[in-house]
Amino acid sequence: MSAILIFLGMVTAIAGWWLARQRLMSKPWLEVGPIDGFPETEAPVMHPAKIGLGVFLAVVGAIFALLISAYFMRMAYADWQATPMPWLLWLNTGMLVLASVALQCAVVAAHKGQLDNLKLALLTGALASVAFLGGQLLAWRNLAAGGYYAADNPAVSFFYLITAMHGLHIIGGLFVLGRANIRAWRGDRLARLVLTTELCAMYWHALLVVWLVLFAVLMGWAADFIDICRRLLS
């Protein structure tokens, strides 16, 4: 539980630092005289859509942190039985990494005005994300075929819950990514495509980080790491 509280504190600190960089913490109504601190070389304030997405992702991170906390607390009960993780999770992780890399390439292509590369990168990101979701469903099917049902084992229930929650966020992002693909292939204004692509990449990078943490938890690595930290602190 303490590890999760530390994680929540880190998420809050990062969110506060990021919002402060967008000058949301400033109080211009208290300024007297000319306002300094805006040299010509200073980076422009981030687009409001990015700020809103950043706040949303901070909330999502907190929700998953609470879910992980519940996972560790439930693990302490006697009826908890470790579940063998399907090997497909490794392949699925690779698909999500590919999607994140592809969307970052799409951002680069959008800034350079390379429409063909942008189309290819956006399409690759979407297809890799769909492959990730399909792989997760196959992992569910493999567990069920092996006799691991949600009603029989709380560990299996948490596996379904955690992967379903993450998958729903991927599905939600696919709606936006699908619209970005349509706009790119339709030949919309490049400035509009740049912002949409940046938002998609930002969202997918965050979901990749969340999944890597969830993957470590499900594989048991996170529990081992916490045990090591507890021994060092004690």
C-alpha atoms as a PDB file:
ATOM      1  CA  MET A   1       0.000   0.000   0.000  1.00  0.00           C
ATOM      2  CA  SER A   2       2.829   2.390   0.826  1.00  0.00           C
ATOM      3  CA  ALA A   3       4.361   1.783  -2.594  1.00  0.00           C
ATOM      4  CA  ILE A   4       1.089   2.746  -4.258  1.00  0.00           C
ATOM      5  CA  LEU A   5       0.848   5.912  -2.172  1.00  0.00           C
ATOM      6  CA  ILE A   6       4.361   6.805  -3.277  1.00  0.00           C
ATOM      7  CA  PHE A   7       3.325   6.207  -6.892  1.00  0.00           C
ATOM      8  CA  LEU A   8       0.262   8.410  -6.476  1.00  0.00           C
ATOM      9  CA  GLY A   9       2.467  11.102  -4.966  1.00  0.00           C
ATOM     10  CA  MET A  10       4.798  10.874  -7.953  1.00  0.00           C
ATOM     11  CA  VAL A  11       1.873  11.174 -10.374  1.00  0.00           C
ATOM     12  CA  THR A  12       0.586  14.225  -8.488  1.00  0.00           C
ATOM     13  CA  ALA A  13       4.035  15.826  -8.414  1.00  0.00           C
ATOM     14  CA  ILE A  14       4.598  15.252 -12.126  1.00  0.00           C
ATOM     15  CA  ALA A  15       1.135  16.606 -12.958  1.00  0.00           C
ATOM     16  CA  GLY A  16       1.704  19.690 -10.795  1.00  0.00           C
ATOM     17  CA  TRP A  17       5.115  20.341 -12.341  1.00  0.00           C
ATOM     18  CA  TRP A  18       3.715  19.913 -15.847  1.00  0.00           C
ATOM     19  CA  LEU A  19       0.775  22.242 -15.185  1.00  0.00           C
ATOM     20  CA  ALA A  20       3.121  24.804 -13.656  1.00  0.00           C
ATOM     21  CA  ARG A  21       5.146  24.782 -16.854  1.00  0.00           C
ATOM     22  CA  GLN A  22       1.998  25.747 -18.730  1.00  0.00           C
ATOM     23  CA  ARG A  23       1.759  28.829 -16.446  1.00  0.00           C
ATOM     24  CA  LEU A  24      -1.576  27.638 -15.041  1.00  0.00           C
ATOM     25  CA  MET A  25      -0.277  28.407 -11.559  1.00  0.00           C
ATOM     26  CA  SER A  26       0.560  32.029 -12.348  1.00  0.00           C
ATOM     27  CA  LYS A  27      -1.556  34.920 -10.979  1.00  0.00           C
ATOM     28  CA  PRO A  28      -1.318  37.739 -13.514  1.00  0.00           C
ATOM     29  CA  TRP A  29      -3.967  39.780 -11.671  1.00  0.00           C
ATOM     30  CA  LEU A  30      -1.475  40.227  -8.830  1.00  0.00           C
ATOM     31  CA  GLU A  31       1.280  41.530 -11.121  1.00  0.00           C
ATOM     32  CA  VAL A  32       2.212  45.208 -10.890  1.00  0.00           C
ATOM     33  CA  GLY A  33       3.685  46.936 -13.916  1.00  0.00           C
ATOM     34  CA  PRO A  34       4.956  45.182 -17.029  1.00  0.00           C
ATOM     35  CA  ILE A  35       4.903  41.400 -16.911  1.00  0.00           C
ATOM     36  CA  ASP A  36       8.357  39.918 -17.278  1.00  0.00           C
ATOM     37  CA  GLY A  37       9.426  36.375 -17.837  1.00  0.00           C
ATOM     38  CA  PHE A  38       8.343  36.062 -21.440  1.00  0.00           C
ATOM     39  CA  PRO A  39      11.532  36.321 -23.497  1.00  0.00           C
ATOM     40  CA  GLU A  40      11.255  35.790 -27.205  1.00  0.00           C
ATOM     41  CA  THR A  41      13.174  32.532 -26.962  1.00  0.00           C
ATOM     42  CA  GLU A  42      10.700  31.006 -24.486  1.00  0.00           C
ATOM     43  CA  ALA A  43       8.698  28.070 -25.785  1.00  0.00           C
ATOM     44  CA  PRO A  44       5.041  28.869 -26.515  1.00  0.00           C
ATOM     45  CA  VAL A  45       2.350  27.797 -24.089  1.00  0.00           C
ATOM     46  CA  MET A  46       1.069  24.310 -24.831  1.00  0.00           C
ATOM     47  CA  HIS A  47      -2.193  23.932 -26.731  1.00  0.00           C
ATOM     48  CA  PRO A  48      -5.261  23.695 -24.430  1.00  0.00           C
ATOM     49  CA  ALA A  49      -6.127  20.300 -25.907  1.00  0.00           C
ATOM     50  CA  LYS A  50      -2.772  18.923 -24.757  1.00  0.00           C
ATOM     51  CA  ILE A  51      -3.260  20.389 -21.299  1.00  0.00           C
ATOM     52  CA  GLY A  52      -6.697  18.790 -21.058  1.00  0.00           C
ATOM     53  CA  LEU A  53      -5.323  15.451 -22.226  1.00  0.00           C
ATOM     54  CA  GLY A  54      -2.497  15.699 -19.706  1.00  0.00           C
ATOM     55  CA  VAL A  55      -4.961  16.242 -16.857  1.00  0.00           C
ATOM     56  CA  PHE A  56      -7.068  13.323 -18.095  1.00  0.00           C
ATOM     57  CA  LEU A  57      -4.032  11.045 -18.261  1.00  0.00           C
ATOM     58  CA  ALA A  58      -3.069  12.024 -14.711  1.00  0.00           C
ATOM     59  CA  VAL A  59      -6.530  10.920 -13.562  1.00  0.00           C
ATOM     60  CA  VAL A  60      -6.217   7.683 -15.545  1.00  0.00           C
ATOM     61  CA  GLY A  61      -2.854   7.015 -13.923  1.00  0.00           C
ATOM     62  CA  ALA A  62      -4.367   7.527 -10.476  1.00  0.00           C
ATOM     63  CA  ILE A  63      -7.214   5.119 -11.271  1.00  0.00           C
ATOM     64  CA  PHE A  64      -4.830   2.394 -12.385  1.00  0.00           C
ATOM     65  CA  ALA A  65      -2.683   3.034  -9.305  1.00  0.00           C
ATOM     66  CA  LEU A  66      -5.719   2.390  -7.104  1.00  0.00           C
ATOM     67  CA  LEU A  67      -6.484  -0.746  -9.095  1.00  0.00           C
ATOM     68  CA  ILE A  68      -2.934  -1.999  -8.560  1.00  0.00           C
ATOM     69  CA  SER A  69      -3.263  -1.198  -4.860  1.00  0.00           C
ATOM     70  CA  ALA A  70      -6.404  -3.335  -4.660  1.00  0.00           C
ATOM     71  CA  TYR A  71      -4.538  -6.100  -6.508  1.00  0.00           C
ATOM     72  CA  PHE A  72      -1.721  -6.182  -3.956  1.00  0.00           C
ATOM     73  CA  MET A  73      -4.090  -6.030  -0.988  1.00  0.00           C
ATOM     74  CA  ARG A  74      -6.214  -8.890  -2.338  1.00  0.00           C
ATOM     75  CA  MET A  75      -3.056 -10.901  -2.989  1.00  0.00           C
ATOM     76  CA  ALA A  76      -2.458 -11.149   0.769  1.00  0.00           C
ATOM     77  CA  TYR A  77      -5.535 -13.363   1.299  1.00  0.00           C
ATOM     78  CA  ALA A  78      -5.195 -17.131   1.614  1.00  0.00           C
ATOM     79  CA  ASP A  79      -7.448 -17.964  -1.349  1.00  0.00           C
ATOM     80  CA  TRP A  80      -5.175 -16.143  -3.804  1.00  0.00           C
ATOM     81  CA  GLN A  81      -3.683 -18.528  -6.366  1.00  0.00           C
ATOM     82  CA  ALA A  82      -1.082 -17.252  -8.815  1.00  0.00           C
ATOM     83  CA  THR A  83      -2.212 -17.490 -12.429  1.00  0.00           C
ATOM     84  CA  PRO A  84       0.169 -18.524 -15.230  1.00  0.00           C
ATOM     85  CA  MET A  85       0.393 -15.637 -17.646  1.00  0.00           C
ATOM     86  CA  PRO A  86      -0.210 -16.440 -21.342  1.00  0.00           C
ATOM     87  CA  TRP A  87       2.882 -16.083 -23.524  1.00  0.00           C
ATOM     88  CA  LEU A  88       0.773 -13.911 -25.841  1.00  0.00           C
ATOM     89  CA  LEU A  89       1.216 -11.026 -23.408  1.00  0.00           C
ATOM     90  CA  TRP A  90       4.802 -10.675 -24.616  1.00  0.00           C
ATOM     91  CA  LEU A  91       3.681 -10.426 -28.240  1.00  0.00           C
ATOM     92  CA  ASN A  92       0.899  -8.028 -27.292  1.00  0.00           C
ATOM     93  CA  THR A  93       3.387  -5.812 -25.488  1.00  0.00           C
ATOM     94  CA  GLY A  94       5.484  -5.722 -28.644  1.00  0.00           C
ATOM     95  CA  MET A  95       2.429  -4.654 -30.645  1.00  0.00           C
ATOM     96  CA  LEU A  96       1.731  -1.783 -28.268  1.00  0.00           C
ATOM     97  CA  VAL A  97       5.378  -0.685 -28.412  1.00  0.00           C
ATOM     98  CA  LEU A  98       5.141  -0.756 -32.215  1.00  0.00           C
ATOM     99  CA  ALA A  99       1.990   1.377 -32.109  1.00  0.00           C
ATOM    100  CA  SER A 100       3.646   3.938 -29.853  1.00  0.00           C
ATOM    101  CA  VAL A 101       6.773   4.109 -32.034  1.00  0.00           C
ATOM    102  CA  ALA A 102       4.658   4.405 -35.186  1.00  0.00           C
ATOM    103  CA  LEU A 103       2.687   7.321 -33.767  1.00  0.00           C
ATOM    104  CA  GLN A 104       5.893   9.079 -32.757  1.00  0.00           C
ATOM    105  CA  CYS A 105       7.082   8.639 -36.345  1.00  0.00           C
ATOM    106  CA  ALA A 106       3.748  10.094 -37.439  1.00  0.00           C
ATOM    107  CA  VAL A 107       4.412  13.198 -35.343  1.00  0.00           C
ATOM    108  CA  VAL A 108       7.813  13.636 -36.993  1.00  0.00           C
ATOM    109  CA  ALA A 109       6.293  13.146 -40.452  1.00  0.00           C
ATOM    110  CA  ALA A 110       3.520  15.644 -39.715  1.00  0.00           C
ATOM    111  CA  HIS A 111       5.996  18.318 -38.623  1.00  0.00           C
ATOM    112  CA  LYS A 112       8.071  17.736 -41.758  1.00  0.00           C
ATOM    113  CA  GLY A 113       5.008  17.858 -44.000  1.00  0.00           C
ATOM    114  CA  GLN A 114       5.567  14.302 -45.258  1.00  0.00           C
ATOM    115  CA  LEU A 115       1.962  13.316 -45.867  1.00  0.00           C
ATOM    116  CA  ASP A 116       2.694   9.852 -47.289  1.00  0.00           C
ATOM    117  CA  ASN A 117       4.855   8.902 -44.309  1.00  0.00           C
ATOM    118  CA  LEU A 118       2.204  10.337 -41.993  1.00  0.00           C
ATOM    119  CA  LYS A 119      -0.478   8.152 -43.558  1.00  0.00           C
ATOM    120  CA  LEU A 120       1.680   5.045 -43.274  1.00  0.00           C
ATOM    121  CA  ALA A 121       2.640   5.737 -39.653  1.00  0.00           C
ATOM    122  CA  LEU A 122      -0.932   6.456 -38.557  1.00  0.00           C
ATOM    123  CA  LEU A 123      -2.193   3.316 -40.264  1.00  0.00           C
ATOM    124  CA  THR A 124       0.586   1.240 -38.695  1.00  0.00           C
ATOM    125  CA  GLY A 125      -0.248   2.608 -35.258  1.00  0.00           C
ATOM    126  CA  ALA A 126      -3.925   1.787 -35.683  1.00  0.00           C
ATOM    127  CA  LEU A 127      -3.313  -1.734 -36.996  1.00  0.00           C
ATOM    128  CA  ALA A 128      -0.792  -2.509 -34.245  1.00  0.00           C
ATOM    129  CA  SER A 129      -3.300  -1.315 -31.641  1.00  0.00           C
ATOM    130  CA  VAL A 130      -6.030  -3.517 -33.101  1.00  0.00           C
ATOM    131  CA  ALA A 131      -3.564  -6.425 -33.071  1.00  0.00           C
ATOM    132  CA  PHE A 132      -2.859  -5.687 -29.403  1.00  0.00           C
ATOM    133  CA  LEU A 133      -6.558  -5.857 -28.559  1.00  0.00           C
ATOM    134  CA  GLY A 134      -6.974  -9.043 -30.570  1.00  0.00           C
ATOM    135  CA  GLY A 135      -4.036 -10.575 -28.749  1.00  0.00           C
ATOM    136  CA  GLN A 136      -5.545  -9.667 -25.394  1.00  0.00           C
ATOM    137  CA  LEU A 137      -8.773 -11.415 -26.355  1.00  0.00           C
ATOM    138  CA  LEU A 138      -6.787 -14.487 -27.388  1.00  0.00           C
ATOM    139  CA  ALA A 139      -5.015 -14.393 -24.019  1.00  0.00           C
ATOM    140  CA  TRP A 140      -8.420 -14.404 -22.326  1.00  0.00           C
ATOM    141  CA  ARG A 141      -9.459 -17.351 -24.479  1.00  0.00           C
ATOM    142  CA  ASN A 142      -6.296 -19.281 -23.623  1.00  0.00           C
ATOM    143  CA  LEU A 143      -6.887 -18.783 -19.912  1.00  0.00           C
ATOM    144  CA  ALA A 144     -10.490 -19.936 -20.215  1.00  0.00           C
ATOM    145  CA  ALA A 145      -9.396 -22.966 -22.253  1.00  0.00           C
ATOM    146  CA  GLY A 146      -6.955 -23.842 -19.478  1.00  0.00           C
ATOM    147  CA  GLY A 147      -9.739 -23.805 -16.903  1.00  0.00           C
ATOM    148  CA  TYR A 148      -8.950 -20.407 -15.386  1.00  0.00           C
ATOM    149  CA  TYR A 149     -12.261 -18.626 -14.845  1.00  0.00           C
ATOM    150  CA  ALA A 150     -12.947 -15.334 -13.105  1.00  0.00           C
ATOM    151  CA  ALA A 151     -15.397 -16.888 -10.652  1.00  0.00           C
ATOM    152  CA  ASP A 152     -12.916 -19.520  -9.449  1.00  0.00           C
ATOM    153  CA  ASN A 153      -9.844 -17.465  -8.628  1.00  0.00           C
ATOM    154  CA  PRO A 154      -9.501 -13.813  -7.563  1.00  0.00           C
ATOM    155  CA  ALA A 155      -6.155 -13.609  -9.378  1.00  0.00           C
ATOM    156  CA  VAL A 156      -7.869 -14.491 -12.650  1.00  0.00           C
ATOM    157  CA  SER A 157     -10.637 -11.990 -11.899  1.00  0.00           C
ATOM    158  CA  PHE A 158      -8.076  -9.237 -11.457  1.00  0.00           C
ATOM    159  CA  PHE A 159      -6.335 -10.262 -14.686  1.00  0.00           C
ATOM    160  CA  TYR A 160      -9.571  -9.885 -16.620  1.00  0.00           C
ATOM    161  CA  LEU A 161     -10.417  -6.618 -14.857  1.00  0.00           C
ATOM    162  CA  ILE A 162      -7.003  -5.012 -15.342  1.00  0.00           C
ATOM    163  CA  THR A 163      -6.639  -5.990 -18.989  1.00  0.00           C
ATOM    164  CA  ALA A 164     -10.247  -5.009 -19.725  1.00  0.00           C
ATOM    165  CA  MET A 165      -9.799  -1.567 -18.180  1.00  0.00           C
ATOM    166  CA  HIS A 166      -6.660  -0.960 -20.201  1.00  0.00           C
ATOM    167  CA  GLY A 167      -8.270  -2.332 -23.351  1.00  0.00           C
ATOM    168  CA  LEU A 168     -11.231   0.028 -22.990  1.00  0.00           C
ATOM    169  CA  HIS A 169      -8.842   2.980 -22.954  1.00  0.00           C
ATOM    170  CA  ILE A 170      -7.189   1.650 -26.114  1.00  0.00           C
ATOM    171  CA  ILE A 171     -10.594   1.313 -27.777  1.00  0.00           C
ATOM    172  CA  GLY A 172     -11.463   4.882 -26.817  1.00  0.00           C
ATOM    173  CA  GLY A 173      -8.206   6.098 -28.305  1.00  0.00           C
ATOM    174  CA  LEU A 174      -8.832   4.147 -31.501  1.00  0.00           C
ATOM    175  CA  PHE A 175     -11.885   6.286 -32.239  1.00  0.00           C
ATOM    176  CA  VAL A 176      -9.686   9.389 -32.286  1.00  0.00           C
ATOM    177  CA  LEU A 177      -6.885   7.613 -34.128  1.00  0.00           C
ATOM    178  CA  GLY A 178      -9.377   6.369 -36.702  1.00  0.00           C
ATOM    179  CA  ARG A 179     -10.554   9.927 -37.310  1.00  0.00           C
ATOM    180  CA  ALA A 180      -6.929  11.008 -37.661  1.00  0.00           C
ATOM    181  CA  ASN A 181      -6.406   8.339 -40.311  1.00  0.00           C
ATOM    182  CA  ILE A 182      -9.501   9.472 -42.192  1.00  0.00           C
ATOM    183  CA  ARG A 183      -8.364  13.093 -42.114  1.00  0.00           C
ATOM    184  CA  ALA A 184      -4.875  12.181 -43.290  1.00  0.00           C
ATOM    185  CA  TRP A 185      -6.095  10.093 -46.200  1.00  0.00           C
ATOM    186  CA  ARG A 186      -8.660  12.766 -47.017  1.00  0.00           C
ATOM    187  CA  GLY A 187      -5.889  15.372 -47.199  1.00  0.00           C
ATOM    188  CA  ASP A 188      -6.964  17.744 -44.423  1.00  0.00           C
ATOM    189  CA  ARG A 189      -4.947  20.808 -43.433  1.00  0.00           C
ATOM    190  CA  LEU A 190      -1.517  19.870 -42.173  1.00  0.00           C
ATOM    191  CA  ALA A 191      -1.782  22.114 -39.093  1.00  0.00           C
ATOM    192  CA  ARG A 192      -4.895  20.240 -38.005  1.00  0.00           C
ATOM    193  CA  LEU A 193      -3.227  16.890 -38.627  1.00  0.00           C
ATOM    194  CA  VAL A 194      -0.179  17.893 -36.575  1.00  0.00           C
ATOM    195  CA  LEU A 195      -2.233  18.599 -33.454  1.00  0.00           C
ATOM    196  CA  THR A 196      -4.362  15.462 -33.799  1.00  0.00           C
ATOM    197  CA  THR A 197      -1.292  13.305 -34.363  1.00  0.00           C
ATOM    198  CA  GLU A 198       0.499  14.794 -31.359  1.00  0.00           C
ATOM    199  CA  LEU A 199      -2.512  14.116 -29.148  1.00  0.00           C
ATOM    200  CA  CYS A 200      -2.725  10.504 -30.339  1.00  0.00           C
ATOM    201  CA  ALA A 201       0.993   9.954 -29.762  1.00  0.00           C
ATOM    202  CA  MET A 202       0.806  11.506 -26.303  1.00  0.00           C
ATOM    203  CA  TYR A 203      -2.134   9.260 -25.391  1.00  0.00           C
ATOM    204  CA  TRP A 204      -0.501   6.088 -26.718  1.00  0.00           C
ATOM    205  CA  HIS A 205       2.809   6.781 -24.980  1.00  0.00           C
ATOM    206  CA  ALA A 206       0.925   7.114 -21.690  1.00  0.00           C
ATOM    207  CA  LEU A 207      -1.035   3.903 -22.261  1.00  0.00           C
ATOM    208  CA  LEU A 208       2.203   2.111 -23.103  1.00  0.00           C
ATOM    209  CA  VAL A 209       3.742   3.208 -19.795  1.00  0.00           C
ATOM    210  CA  VAL A 210       0.586   2.114 -17.950  1.00  0.00           C
ATOM    211  CA  TRP A 211       0.635  -1.259 -19.672  1.00  0.00           C
ATOM    212  CA  LEU A 212       4.314  -1.845 -18.889  1.00  0.00           C
ATOM    213  CA  VAL A 213       3.545  -1.244 -15.210  1.00  0.00           C
ATOM    214  CA  LEU A 214       0.499  -3.535 -15.376  1.00  0.00           C
ATOM    215  CA  PHE A 215       2.539  -6.162 -17.211  1.00  0.00           C
ATOM    216  CA  ALA A 216       5.174  -6.082 -14.464  1.00  0.00           C
ATOM    217  CA  VAL A 217       2.446  -6.443 -11.832  1.00  0.00           C
ATOM    218  CA  LEU A 218       0.750  -9.364 -13.581  1.00  0.00           C
ATOM    219  CA  MET A 219       4.058 -11.162 -14.162  1.00  0.00           C
ATOM    220  CA  GLY A 220       4.916 -10.805 -10.470  1.00  0.00           C
ATOM    221  CA  TRP A 221       7.976  -8.629 -10.993  1.00  0.00           C
ATOM    222  CA  ALA A 222       6.469  -5.658  -9.186  1.00  0.00           C
ATOM    223  CA  ALA A 223       5.742  -7.736  -6.078  1.00  0.00           C
ATOM    224  CA  ASP A 224       9.327  -8.999  -6.024  1.00  0.00           C
ATOM    225  CA  PHE A 225      10.617  -5.445  -6.392  1.00  0.00           C
ATOM    226  CA  ILE A 226       8.440  -4.229  -3.509  1.00  0.00           C
ATOM    227  CA  ASP A 227       9.633  -7.108  -1.309  1.00  0.00           C
ATOM    228  CA  ILE A 228      13.247  -6.193  -2.032  1.00  0.00           C
ATOM    229  CA  CYS A 229      12.552  -2.544  -1.172  1.00  0.00           C
ATOM    230  CA  ARG A 230      10.863  -3.554   2.087  1.00  0.00           C
ATOM    231  CA  ARG A 231      13.836  -5.698   3.081  1.00  0.00           C
ATOM    232  CA  LEU A 232      16.252  -2.885   2.305  1.00  0.00           C
ATOM    233  CA  LEU A 233      14.197  -0.384   4.297  1.00  0.00           C
ATOM    234  CA  SER A 234      13.805  -2.758   7.237  1.00  0.00           C
END
